[in-house]
Protein backbone atom coordinates (compact mmCIF):
# COMPACT_ATOMS: atom_id res chain seq x y z
CA MET A 1 98.85 62.91 35.43
CA PHE A 2 95.79 65.12 35.06
CA SER A 3 92.52 63.60 33.88
CA ARG A 4 89.72 65.99 32.99
CA PRO A 5 86.91 63.42 33.44
CA LEU A 6 88.17 62.49 36.91
CA PHE A 7 88.58 66.15 37.84
CA HIS A 8 84.99 66.73 36.72
CA GLU A 9 83.92 63.87 39.00
CA ALA A 10 85.92 65.37 41.88
CA THR A 11 84.23 68.75 41.48
CA LYS A 12 80.92 67.13 42.43
CA SER A 13 82.14 67.18 46.03
CA ARG A 14 83.55 70.68 46.03
CA LEU A 15 83.82 71.16 49.78
CA THR A 16 86.00 68.11 50.22
CA LEU A 17 88.10 69.06 47.19
CA TRP A 18 88.65 72.55 48.59
CA LEU A 19 89.53 71.08 51.98
CA THR A 20 92.13 68.87 50.30
CA ILE A 21 93.62 71.87 48.52
CA LEU A 22 93.55 73.99 51.69
CA PHE A 23 95.20 71.27 53.78
CA SER A 24 97.87 70.88 51.09
CA LEU A 25 98.65 74.61 51.02
CA LEU A 26 98.71 74.89 54.79
CA GLY A 27 100.86 71.77 54.97
CA GLY A 28 103.34 73.45 52.64
CA GLY A 29 103.42 76.41 55.01
CA ALA A 30 104.02 74.04 57.92
CA VAL A 31 106.98 72.50 56.06
CA ILE A 32 108.44 75.96 55.53
CA ALA A 33 107.91 76.84 59.21
CA GLN A 34 109.53 73.57 60.22
CA ALA A 35 112.56 74.26 58.04
CA HIS A 36 112.80 77.79 59.40
CA TRP A 37 112.76 76.76 63.04
CA LEU A 38 115.14 73.86 62.47
CA SER A 39 117.65 76.08 60.69
CA HIS A 40 117.23 78.71 63.40
CA ILE A 41 117.99 76.13 66.11
CA VAL A 42 121.01 74.76 64.23
CA ASN A 43 122.32 78.30 63.71
CA GLN A 44 121.87 79.21 67.37
CA VAL A 45 123.41 76.02 68.78
CA PHE A 46 126.26 75.28 66.38
CA LEU A 47 127.25 78.72 65.14
CA GLN A 48 126.46 80.93 68.11
CA GLY A 49 127.02 78.43 70.94
CA ALA A 50 123.54 78.69 72.47
CA THR A 51 122.44 76.23 75.12
CA ARG A 52 119.28 74.16 75.18
CA ALA A 53 117.68 76.69 77.51
CA ASP A 54 118.48 79.46 75.01
CA VAL A 55 116.64 77.68 72.19
CA GLN A 56 113.79 76.24 74.24
CA GLY A 57 111.25 78.60 72.69
CA SER A 58 112.46 77.69 69.21
CA LEU A 59 112.22 74.00 70.06
CA VAL A 60 108.59 74.49 71.13
CA ALA A 61 107.89 76.35 67.87
CA LEU A 62 109.52 73.49 65.93
CA LEU A 63 107.37 70.98 67.80
CA LEU A 64 104.25 72.99 66.96
CA ALA A 65 105.26 73.12 63.28
CA LEU A 66 105.85 69.36 63.27
CA THR A 67 102.48 68.74 64.91
CA ALA A 68 100.69 71.07 62.50
CA ARG A 69 102.35 69.35 59.55
CA ALA A 70 101.29 65.91 60.79
CA LEU A 71 97.70 66.99 61.45
CA LEU A 72 97.39 68.75 58.10
CA SER A 73 98.85 65.75 56.31
CA GLY A 74 96.33 63.48 58.00
CA GLY A 75 93.48 65.82 57.14
CA ARG A 76 94.61 66.02 53.53
CA GLU A 77 94.81 62.23 53.26
CA ALA A 78 91.38 61.77 54.84
CA ALA A 79 89.77 64.34 52.54
CA ALA A 80 91.47 62.90 49.43
CA ASN A 81 90.43 59.36 50.37
CA HIS A 82 86.86 60.58 50.88
CA ILE A 83 86.80 62.11 47.40
CA ALA A 84 88.30 58.97 45.88
CA ALA A 85 85.71 56.75 47.59
CA GLN A 86 82.87 58.98 46.38
CA ILE A 87 84.17 58.96 42.80
CA LYS A 88 84.65 55.19 42.78
CA GLN A 89 81.16 54.59 44.18
CA ASP A 90 79.60 56.96 41.64
CA LEU A 91 81.44 55.28 38.77
CA ARG A 92 80.40 51.82 40.01
CA ASP A 93 76.78 52.91 40.27
CA ARG A 94 76.82 54.36 36.76
CA LEU A 95 78.50 51.27 35.35
CA PHE A 96 76.00 48.98 37.08
CA ALA A 97 73.08 51.04 35.78
CA HIS A 98 74.56 50.92 32.28
CA VAL A 99 75.03 47.13 32.43
CA GLN A 100 71.45 46.69 33.69
CA ALA A 101 70.13 48.82 30.84
CA MET A 102 71.76 46.56 28.24
């Protein structure tokens, strides 16, 4: 669900928001790379009878894609949590100031 007021709050920390978006996009690319290398390995081994030595380079590429996906996912989560913490703190501060003004 999209909330315009919360999005407005998130835009106050633009760098972190853009990092979250960038990590998400790159993570999607890592998922595609992972699927590519996995399908390539399955094709080579099961359909063309390749040995483990034949697909060693592809296995390394798959491992790199898996590692990139994990790192990007962690970065995305950290950036999103940072934005959420900033928004919650800002809303608490504004609420407290409003209650004190009453």
